[in-house]
Amino acid sequence: MKDVEVQIKELELKIKDLEHQIDRLEDKHTEQLDENDIRAVVDQVLNEKDFASPKQVESQVNESHLQLIKWIIGTGISVAAVVVSIYQFI
């Protein structure tokens, strides 16, 4: 009976020691990972992967410019039509 109690005490001490070691390891690893390290890793991963080729990016930019020009011309024509119609009523 005493041997079992001694073994239980030894196991409890080992468990406490292991928990303490785990806590120290967690603290050490959390200190090593700060926000700048994470940003550096994310930037590195994003730089390594090609999400769009330069031609695709240029094509999308050109398409956006064309749409912007169409909207500007359409808005200009609409404003001119409104001004002309208001001028005719006066």
PDB file of N, CA and C in Angstrom:
ATOM      1  N   MET A   1       0.821  -1.199   0.000  1.00  0.00           N
ATOM      2  CA  MET A   1       0.000   0.000   0.000  1.00  0.00           C
ATOM      3  C   MET A   1       0.860   1.256   0.000  1.00  0.00           C
ATOM      4  N   LYS A   2       1.936   1.224   0.795  1.00  0.00           N
ATOM      5  CA  LYS A   2       2.813   2.395   0.861  1.00  0.00           C
ATOM      6  C   LYS A   2       3.556   2.579  -0.453  1.00  0.00           C
ATOM      7  N   ASP A   3       3.882   1.498  -1.112  1.00  0.00           N
ATOM      8  CA  ASP A   3       4.567   1.588  -2.400  1.00  0.00           C
ATOM      9  C   ASP A   3       3.676   2.283  -3.427  1.00  0.00           C
ATOM     10  N   VAL A   4       2.414   1.970  -3.407  1.00  0.00           N
ATOM     11  CA  VAL A   4       1.473   2.593  -4.337  1.00  0.00           C
ATOM     12  C   VAL A   4       1.366   4.082  -4.045  1.00  0.00           C
ATOM     13  N   GLU A   5       1.313   4.452  -2.781  1.00  0.00           N
ATOM     14  CA  GLU A   5       1.232   5.869  -2.396  1.00  0.00           C
ATOM     15  C   GLU A   5       2.503   6.607  -2.815  1.00  0.00           C
ATOM     16  N   VAL A   6       3.646   5.961  -2.648  1.00  0.00           N
ATOM     17  CA  VAL A   6       4.921   6.570  -3.035  1.00  0.00           C
ATOM     18  C   VAL A   6       4.958   6.756  -4.548  1.00  0.00           C
ATOM     19  N   GLN A   7       4.502   5.759  -5.279  1.00  0.00           N
ATOM     20  CA  GLN A   7       4.470   5.855  -6.736  1.00  0.00           C
ATOM     21  C   GLN A   7       3.519   6.960  -7.192  1.00  0.00           C
ATOM     22  N   ILE A   8       2.379   7.067  -6.510  1.00  0.00           N
ATOM     23  CA  ILE A   8       1.426   8.135  -6.849  1.00  0.00           C
ATOM     24  C   ILE A   8       2.059   9.490  -6.595  1.00  0.00           C
ATOM     25  N   LYS A   9       2.742   9.670  -5.486  1.00  0.00           N
ATOM     26  CA  LYS A   9       3.414  10.938  -5.174  1.00  0.00           C
ATOM     27  C   LYS A   9       4.470  11.265  -6.229  1.00  0.00           C
ATOM     28  N   GLU A  10       5.238  10.220  -6.629  1.00  0.00           N
ATOM     29  CA  GLU A  10       6.273  10.436  -7.637  1.00  0.00           C
ATOM     30  C   GLU A  10       5.649  10.843  -8.976  1.00  0.00           C
ATOM     31  N   LEU A  11       4.550  10.193  -9.319  1.00  0.00           N
ATOM     32  CA  LEU A  11       3.863  10.536 -10.567  1.00  0.00           C
ATOM     33  C   LEU A  11       3.309  11.961 -10.519  1.00  0.00           C
ATOM     34  N   GLU A  12       2.764  12.339  -9.372  1.00  0.00           N
ATOM     35  CA  GLU A  12       2.247  13.704  -9.221  1.00  0.00           C
ATOM     36  C   GLU A  12       3.372  14.721  -9.374  1.00  0.00           C
ATOM     37  N   LEU A  13       4.527  14.423  -8.802  1.00  0.00           N
ATOM     38  CA  LEU A  13       5.671  15.326  -8.931  1.00  0.00           C
ATOM     39  C   LEU A  13       6.133  15.411 -10.387  1.00  0.00           C
ATOM     40  N   LYS A  14       6.157  14.266 -11.068  1.00  0.00           N
ATOM     41  CA  LYS A  14       6.556  14.261 -12.472  1.00  0.00           C
ATOM     42  C   LYS A  14       5.561  15.052 -13.321  1.00  0.00           C
ATOM     43  N   ILE A  15       4.286  14.898 -13.026  1.00  0.00           N
ATOM     44  CA  ILE A  15       3.258  15.645 -13.770  1.00  0.00           C
ATOM     45  C   ILE A  15       3.426  17.142 -13.552  1.00  0.00           C
ATOM     46  N   LYS A  16       3.652  17.545 -12.302  1.00  0.00           N
ATOM     47  CA  LYS A  16       3.864  18.968 -12.020  1.00  0.00           C
ATOM     48  C   LYS A  16       5.102  19.493 -12.739  1.00  0.00           C
ATOM     49  N   ASP A  17       6.159  18.692 -12.759  1.00  0.00           N
ATOM     50  CA  ASP A  17       7.382  19.091 -13.443  1.00  0.00           C
ATOM     51  C   ASP A  17       7.141  19.232 -14.947  1.00  0.00           C
ATOM     52  N   LEU A  18       6.422  18.273 -15.517  1.00  0.00           N
ATOM     53  CA  LEU A  18       6.109  18.344 -16.949  1.00  0.00           C
ATOM     54  C   LEU A  18       5.229  19.553 -17.267  1.00  0.00           C
ATOM     55  N   GLU A  19       4.252  19.839 -16.425  1.00  0.00           N
ATOM     56  CA  GLU A  19       3.399  21.017 -16.645  1.00  0.00           C
ATOM     57  C   GLU A  19       4.228  22.294 -16.594  1.00  0.00           C
ATOM     58  N   HIS A  20       5.165  22.343 -15.658  1.00  0.00           N
ATOM     59  CA  HIS A  20       6.033  23.515 -15.560  1.00  0.00           C
ATOM     60  C   HIS A  20       6.899  23.659 -16.817  1.00  0.00           C
ATOM     61  N   GLN A  21       7.435  22.544 -17.310  1.00  0.00           N
ATOM     62  CA  GLN A  21       8.243  22.585 -18.529  1.00  0.00           C
ATOM     63  C   GLN A  21       7.413  23.025 -19.730  1.00  0.00           C
ATOM     64  N   ILE A  22       6.181  22.549 -19.814  1.00  0.00           N
ATOM     65  CA  ILE A  22       5.293  22.945 -20.911  1.00  0.00           C
ATOM     66  C   ILE A  22       5.023  24.444 -20.850  1.00  0.00           C
ATOM     67  N   ASP A  23       4.771  24.954 -19.662  1.00  0.00           N
ATOM     68  CA  ASP A  23       4.530  26.394 -19.511  1.00  0.00           C
ATOM     69  C   ASP A  23       5.742  27.206 -19.961  1.00  0.00           C
ATOM     70  N   ARG A  24       6.944  26.760 -19.578  1.00  0.00           N
ATOM     71  CA  ARG A  24       8.149  27.483 -19.990  1.00  0.00           C
ATOM     72  C   ARG A  24       8.334  27.441 -21.500  1.00  0.00           C
ATOM     73  N   LEU A  25       8.080  26.281 -22.103  1.00  0.00           N
ATOM     74  CA  LEU A  25       8.211  26.164 -23.558  1.00  0.00           C
ATOM     75  C   LEU A  25       7.189  27.037 -24.280  1.00  0.00           C
ATOM     76  N   GLU A  26       5.960  27.078 -23.788  1.00  0.00           N
ATOM     77  CA  GLU A  26       4.940  27.927 -24.410  1.00  0.00           C
ATOM     78  C   GLU A  26       5.337  29.387 -24.323  1.00  0.00           C
ATOM     79  N   ASP A  27       5.836  29.802 -23.167  1.00  0.00           N
ATOM     80  CA  ASP A  27       6.270  31.191 -23.006  1.00  0.00           C
ATOM     81  C   ASP A  27       7.409  31.526 -23.962  1.00  0.00           C
ATOM     82  N   LYS A  28       8.338  30.601 -24.094  1.00  0.00           N
ATOM     83  CA  LYS A  28       9.486  30.828 -24.974  1.00  0.00           C
ATOM     84  C   LYS A  28       9.039  30.976 -26.423  1.00  0.00           C
ATOM     85  N   HIS A  29       8.135  30.118 -26.855  1.00  0.00           N
ATOM     86  CA  HIS A  29       7.681  30.168 -28.247  1.00  0.00           C
ATOM     87  C   HIS A  29       6.815  31.393 -28.517  1.00  0.00           C
ATOM     88  N   THR A  30       6.001  31.804 -27.578  1.00  0.00           N
ATOM     89  CA  THR A  30       5.175  32.990 -27.813  1.00  0.00           C
ATOM     90  C   THR A  30       6.027  34.246 -27.855  1.00  0.00           C
ATOM     91  N   GLU A  31       7.110  34.275 -27.104  1.00  0.00           N
ATOM     92  CA  GLU A  31       8.010  35.424 -27.156  1.00  0.00           C
ATOM     93  C   GLU A  31       8.700  35.515 -28.515  1.00  0.00           C
ATOM     94  N   GLN A  32       9.000  34.356 -29.095  1.00  0.00           N
ATOM     95  CA  GLN A  32       9.708  34.355 -30.374  1.00  0.00           C
ATOM     96  C   GLN A  32       8.821  34.816 -31.518  1.00  0.00           C
ATOM     97  N   LEU A  33       7.545  34.533 -31.433  1.00  0.00           N
ATOM     98  CA  LEU A  33       6.629  34.922 -32.505  1.00  0.00           C
ATOM     99  C   LEU A  33       5.980  36.247 -32.157  1.00  0.00           C
ATOM    100  N   ASP A  34       6.486  37.297 -32.707  1.00  0.00           N
ATOM    101  CA  ASP A  34       5.819  38.576 -32.535  1.00  0.00           C
ATOM    102  C   ASP A  34       5.209  38.990 -33.865  1.00  0.00           C
ATOM    103  N   GLU A  35       4.573  40.113 -33.883  1.00  0.00           N
ATOM    104  CA  GLU A  35       3.811  40.538 -35.051  1.00  0.00           C
ATOM    105  C   GLU A  35       4.696  40.719 -36.287  1.00  0.00           C
ATOM    106  N   ASN A  36       5.897  41.236 -36.114  1.00  0.00           N
ATOM    107  CA  ASN A  36       6.780  41.467 -37.253  1.00  0.00           C
ATOM    108  C   ASN A  36       7.221  40.167 -37.902  1.00  0.00           C
ATOM    109  N   ASP A  37       7.467  39.153 -37.093  1.00  0.00           N
ATOM    110  CA  ASP A  37       7.857  37.858 -37.656  1.00  0.00           C
ATOM    111  C   ASP A  37       6.732  37.285 -38.496  1.00  0.00           C
ATOM    112  N   ILE A  38       5.518  37.393 -38.005  1.00  0.00           N
ATOM    113  CA  ILE A  38       4.372  36.862 -38.741  1.00  0.00           C
ATOM    114  C   ILE A  38       4.197  37.618 -40.048  1.00  0.00           C
ATOM    115  N   ARG A  39       4.331  38.929 -40.015  1.00  0.00           N
ATOM    116  CA  ARG A  39       4.226  39.720 -41.247  1.00  0.00           C
ATOM    117  C   ARG A  39       5.308  39.325 -42.244  1.00  0.00           C
ATOM    118  N   ALA A  40       6.516  39.094 -41.753  1.00  0.00           N
ATOM    119  CA  ALA A  40       7.612  38.708 -42.642  1.00  0.00           C
ATOM    120  C   ALA A  40       7.322  37.367 -43.303  1.00  0.00           C
ATOM    121  N   VAL A  41       6.799  36.426 -42.548  1.00  0.00           N
ATOM    122  CA  VAL A  41       6.475  35.113 -43.112  1.00  0.00           C
ATOM    123  C   VAL A  41       5.359  35.236 -44.142  1.00  0.00           C
ATOM    124  N   VAL A  42       4.335  36.011 -43.831  1.00  0.00           N
ATOM    125  CA  VAL A  42       3.222  36.190 -44.770  1.00  0.00           C
ATOM    126  C   VAL A  42       3.706  36.875 -46.039  1.00  0.00           C
ATOM    127  N   ASP A  43       4.519  37.915 -45.898  1.00  0.00           N
ATOM    128  CA  ASP A  43       5.069  38.594 -47.074  1.00  0.00           C
ATOM    129  C   ASP A  43       5.906  37.642 -47.919  1.00  0.00           C
ATOM    130  N   GLN A  44       6.696  36.812 -47.267  1.00  0.00           N
ATOM    131  CA  GLN A  44       7.526  35.868 -48.002  1.00  0.00           C
ATOM    132  C   GLN A  44       6.663  34.871 -48.771  1.00  0.00           C
ATOM    133  N   VAL A  45       5.625  34.362 -48.137  1.00  0.00           N
ATOM    134  CA  VAL A  45       4.745  33.399 -48.811  1.00  0.00           C
ATOM    135  C   VAL A  45       4.039  34.056 -49.983  1.00  0.00           C
ATOM    136  N   LEU A  46       3.562  35.290 -49.791  1.00  0.00           N
ATOM    137  CA  LEU A  46       2.874  35.987 -50.874  1.00  0.00           C
ATOM    138  C   LEU A  46       3.816  36.296 -52.027  1.00  0.00           C
ATOM    139  N   ASN A  47       5.061  36.629 -51.725  1.00  0.00           N
ATOM    140  CA  ASN A  47       6.031  36.909 -52.783  1.00  0.00           C
ATOM    141  C   ASN A  47       6.413  35.655 -53.559  1.00  0.00           C
ATOM    142  N   GLU A  48       6.400  34.505 -52.881  1.00  0.00           N
ATOM    143  CA  GLU A  48       6.765  33.269 -53.549  1.00  0.00           C
ATOM    144  C   GLU A  48       5.665  32.783 -54.492  1.00  0.00           C
ATOM    145  N   LYS A  49       4.440  33.122 -54.207  1.00  0.00           N
ATOM    146  CA  LYS A  49       3.321  32.658 -55.019  1.00  0.00           C
ATOM    147  C   LYS A  49       2.943  33.730 -56.035  1.00  0.00           C
ATOM    148  N   ASP A  50       2.675  33.308 -57.252  1.00  0.00           N
ATOM    149  CA  ASP A  50       2.204  34.218 -58.294  1.00  0.00           C
ATOM    150  C   ASP A  50       0.690  34.086 -58.374  1.00  0.00           C
ATOM    151  N   PHE A  51       0.000  35.099 -57.866  1.00  0.00           N
ATOM    152  CA  PHE A  51      -1.453  35.069 -57.892  1.00  0.00           C
ATOM    153  C   PHE A  51      -1.981  35.565 -59.229  1.00  0.00           C
ATOM    154  N   ALA A  52      -1.250  36.426 -59.878  1.00  0.00           N
ATOM    155  CA  ALA A  52      -1.645  36.929 -61.196  1.00  0.00           C
ATOM    156  C   ALA A  52      -0.372  37.287 -61.950  1.00  0.00           C
ATOM    157  N   SER A  53      -0.384  36.989 -63.224  1.00  0.00           N
ATOM    158  CA  SER A  53       0.781  37.324 -64.024  1.00  0.00           C
ATOM    159  C   SER A  53       0.756  38.822 -64.327  1.00  0.00           C
ATOM    160  N   PRO A  54       1.895  39.389 -64.666  1.00  0.00           N
ATOM    161  CA  PRO A  54       1.922  40.816 -64.990  1.00  0.00           C
ATOM    162  C   PRO A  54       0.978  41.169 -66.137  1.00  0.00           C
ATOM    163  N   LYS A  55       0.819  40.272 -67.111  1.00  0.00           N
ATOM    164  CA  LYS A  55      -0.093  40.541 -68.221  1.00  0.00           C
ATOM    165  C   LYS A  55      -1.535  40.609 -67.732  1.00  0.00           C
ATOM    166  N   GLN A  56      -1.904  39.728 -66.804  1.00  0.00           N
ATOM    167  CA  GLN A  56      -3.260  39.748 -66.267  1.00  0.00           C
ATOM    168  C   GLN A  56      -3.518  41.039 -65.490  1.00  0.00           C
ATOM    169  N   VAL A  57      -2.539  41.467 -64.728  1.00  0.00           N
ATOM    170  CA  VAL A  57      -2.686  42.706 -63.966  1.00  0.00           C
ATOM    171  C   VAL A  57      -2.833  43.884 -64.921  1.00  0.00           C
ATOM    172  N   GLU A  58      -1.986  43.945 -65.935  1.00  0.00           N
ATOM    173  CA  GLU A  58      -2.055  45.042 -66.897  1.00  0.00           C
ATOM    174  C   GLU A  58      -3.388  45.038 -67.639  1.00  0.00           C
ATOM    175  N   SER A  59      -3.864  43.872 -68.011  1.00  0.00           N
ATOM    176  CA  SER A  59      -5.152  43.764 -68.690  1.00  0.00           C
ATOM    177  C   SER A  59      -6.281  44.274 -67.806  1.00  0.00           C
ATOM    178  N   GLN A  60      -6.266  43.912 -66.532  1.00  0.00           N
ATOM    179  CA  GLN A  60      -7.305  44.359 -65.600  1.00  0.00           C
ATOM    180  C   GLN A  60      -7.241  45.871 -65.400  1.00  0.00           C
ATOM    181  N   VAL A  61      -6.044  46.425 -65.311  1.00  0.00           N
ATOM    182  CA  VAL A  61      -5.894  47.870 -65.152  1.00  0.00           C
ATOM    183  C   VAL A  61      -6.415  48.597 -66.392  1.00  0.00           C
ATOM    184  N   ASN A  62      -6.072  48.102 -67.573  1.00  0.00           N
ATOM    185  CA  ASN A  62      -6.558  48.720 -68.812  1.00  0.00           C
ATOM    186  C   ASN A  62      -8.078  48.661 -68.894  1.00  0.00           C
ATOM    187  N   GLU A  63      -8.659  47.540 -68.500  1.00  0.00           N
ATOM    188  CA  GLU A  63     -10.118  47.403 -68.520  1.00  0.00           C
ATOM    189  C   GLU A  63     -10.770  48.387 -67.549  1.00  0.00           C
ATOM    190  N   SER A  64     -10.175  48.548 -66.378  1.00  0.00           N
ATOM    191  CA  SER A  64     -10.707  49.503 -65.399  1.00  0.00           C
ATOM    192  C   SER A  64     -10.614  50.935 -65.919  1.00  0.00           C
ATOM    193  N   HIS A  65      -9.504  51.270 -66.575  1.00  0.00           N
ATOM    194  CA  HIS A  65      -9.357  52.613 -67.158  1.00  0.00           C
ATOM    195  C   HIS A  65     -10.406  52.857 -68.230  1.00  0.00           C
ATOM    196  N   LEU A  66     -10.660  51.863 -69.060  1.00  0.00           N
ATOM    197  CA  LEU A  66     -11.658  51.994 -70.113  1.00  0.00           C
ATOM    198  C   LEU A  66     -13.051  52.213 -69.519  1.00  0.00           C
ATOM    199  N   GLN A  67     -13.387  51.470 -68.471  1.00  0.00           N
ATOM    200  CA  GLN A  67     -14.681  51.677 -67.815  1.00  0.00           C
ATOM    201  C   GLN A  67     -14.773  53.068 -67.207  1.00  0.00           C
ATOM    202  N   LEU A  68     -13.698  53.537 -66.605  1.00  0.00           N
ATOM    203  CA  LEU A  68     -13.691  54.877 -66.021  1.00  0.00           C
ATOM    204  C   LEU A  68     -13.910  55.939 -67.092  1.00  0.00           C
ATOM    205  N   ILE A  69     -13.254  55.789 -68.222  1.00  0.00           N
ATOM    206  CA  ILE A  69     -13.425  56.740 -69.323  1.00  0.00           C
ATOM    207  C   ILE A  69     -14.866  56.725 -69.819  1.00  0.00           C
ATOM    208  N   LYS A  70     -15.459  55.539 -69.951  1.00  0.00           N
ATOM    209  CA  LYS A  70     -16.858  55.448 -70.379  1.00  0.00           C
ATOM    210  C   LYS A  70     -17.784  56.159 -69.395  1.00  0.00           C
ATOM    211  N   TRP A  71     -17.559  55.953 -68.106  1.00  0.00           N
ATOM    212  CA  TRP A  71     -18.397  56.614 -67.105  1.00  0.00           C
ATOM    213  C   TRP A  71     -18.234  58.132 -67.155  1.00  0.00           C
ATOM    214  N   ILE A  72     -17.002  58.602 -67.338  1.00  0.00           N
ATOM    215  CA  ILE A  72     -16.769  60.054 -67.413  1.00  0.00           C
ATOM    216  C   ILE A  72     -17.477  60.636 -68.625  1.00  0.00           C
ATOM    217  N   ILE A  73     -17.348  59.978 -69.765  1.00  0.00           N
ATOM    218  CA  ILE A  73     -18.007  60.479 -70.978  1.00  0.00           C
ATOM    219  C   ILE A  73     -19.522  60.441 -70.803  1.00  0.00           C
ATOM    220  N   GLY A  74     -20.056  59.342 -70.260  1.00  0.00           N
ATOM    221  CA  GLY A  74     -21.497  59.239 -70.038  1.00  0.00           C
ATOM    222  C   GLY A  74     -22.005  60.296 -69.085  1.00  0.00           C
ATOM    223  N   THR A  75     -21.268  60.543 -68.010  1.00  0.00           N
ATOM    224  CA  THR A  75     -21.663  61.573 -67.042  1.00  0.00           C
ATOM    225  C   THR A  75     -21.599  62.948 -67.693  1.00  0.00           C
ATOM    226  N   GLY A  76     -20.564  63.205 -68.483  1.00  0.00           N
ATOM    227  CA  GLY A  76     -20.445  64.502 -69.174  1.00  0.00           C
ATOM    228  C   GLY A  76     -21.607  64.727 -70.120  1.00  0.00           C
ATOM    229  N   ILE A  77     -21.986  63.709 -70.886  1.00  0.00           N
ATOM    230  CA  ILE A  77     -23.117  63.847 -71.813  1.00  0.00           C
ATOM    231  C   ILE A  77     -24.405  64.087 -71.037  1.00  0.00           C
ATOM    232  N   SER A  78     -24.601  63.367 -69.931  1.00  0.00           N
ATOM    233  CA  SER A  78     -25.806  63.548 -69.120  1.00  0.00           C
ATOM    234  C   SER A  78     -25.877  64.951 -68.539  1.00  0.00           C
ATOM    235  N   VAL A  79     -24.766  65.445 -68.018  1.00  0.00           N
ATOM    236  CA  VAL A  79     -24.741  66.797 -67.450  1.00  0.00           C
ATOM    237  C   VAL A  79     -25.010  67.830 -68.538  1.00  0.00           C
ATOM    238  N   ALA A  80     -24.416  67.635 -69.714  1.00  0.00           N
ATOM    239  CA  ALA A  80     -24.645  68.572 -70.819  1.00  0.00           C
ATOM    240  C   ALA A  80     -26.118  68.563 -71.227  1.00  0.00           C
ATOM    241  N   ALA A  81     -26.731  67.381 -71.275  1.00  0.00           N
ATOM    242  CA  ALA A  81     -28.149  67.299 -71.636  1.00  0.00           C
ATOM    243  C   ALA A  81     -29.022  67.986 -70.592  1.00  0.00           C
ATOM    244  N   VAL A  82     -28.710  67.829 -69.330  1.00  0.00           N
ATOM    245  CA  VAL A  82     -29.477  68.483 -68.264  1.00  0.00           C
ATOM    246  C   VAL A  82     -29.311  69.994 -68.361  1.00  0.00           C
ATOM    247  N   VAL A  83     -28.102  70.472 -68.600  1.00  0.00           N
ATOM    248  CA  VAL A  83     -27.859  71.914 -68.702  1.00  0.00           C
ATOM    249  C   VAL A  83     -28.617  72.488 -69.898  1.00  0.00           C
ATOM    250  N   VAL A  84     -28.573  71.800 -71.029  1.00  0.00           N
ATOM    251  CA  VAL A  84     -29.279  72.277 -72.224  1.00  0.00           C
ATOM    252  C   VAL A  84     -30.780  72.311 -71.972  1.00  0.00           C
ATOM    253  N   SER A  85     -31.322  71.285 -71.321  1.00  0.00           N
ATOM    254  CA  SER A  85     -32.779  71.257 -71.082  1.00  0.00           C
ATOM    255  C   SER A  85     -33.171  72.341 -70.083  1.00  0.00           C
ATOM    256  N   ILE A  86     -32.352  72.599 -69.069  1.00  0.00           N
ATOM    257  CA  ILE A  86     -32.663  73.675 -68.113  1.00  0.00           C
ATOM    258  C   ILE A  86     -32.581  75.021 -68.842  1.00  0.00           C
ATOM    259  N   TYR A  87     -31.609  75.178 -69.698  1.00  0.00           N
ATOM    260  CA  TYR A  87     -31.442  76.445 -70.439  1.00  0.00           C
ATOM    261  C   TYR A  87     -32.651  76.691 -71.360  1.00  0.00           C
ATOM    262  N   GLN A  88     -33.191  75.634 -71.934  1.00  0.00           N
ATOM    263  CA  GLN A  88     -34.355  75.799 -72.814  1.00  0.00           C
ATOM    264  C   GLN A  88     -35.593  76.220 -72.021  1.00  0.00           C
ATOM    265  N   PHE A  89     -35.724  75.791 -70.795  1.00  0.00           N
ATOM    266  CA  PHE A  89     -36.881  76.176 -69.990  1.00  0.00           C
ATOM    267  C   PHE A  89     -36.794  77.617 -69.521  1.00  0.00           C
ATOM    268  N   ILE A  90     -35.616  78.155 -69.451  1.00  0.00           N
ATOM    269  CA  ILE A  90     -35.458  79.526 -68.963  1.00  0.00           C
ATOM    270  C   ILE A  90     -35.688  80.516 -70.029  1.00  0.00           C
TER     271      ILE A  90
END
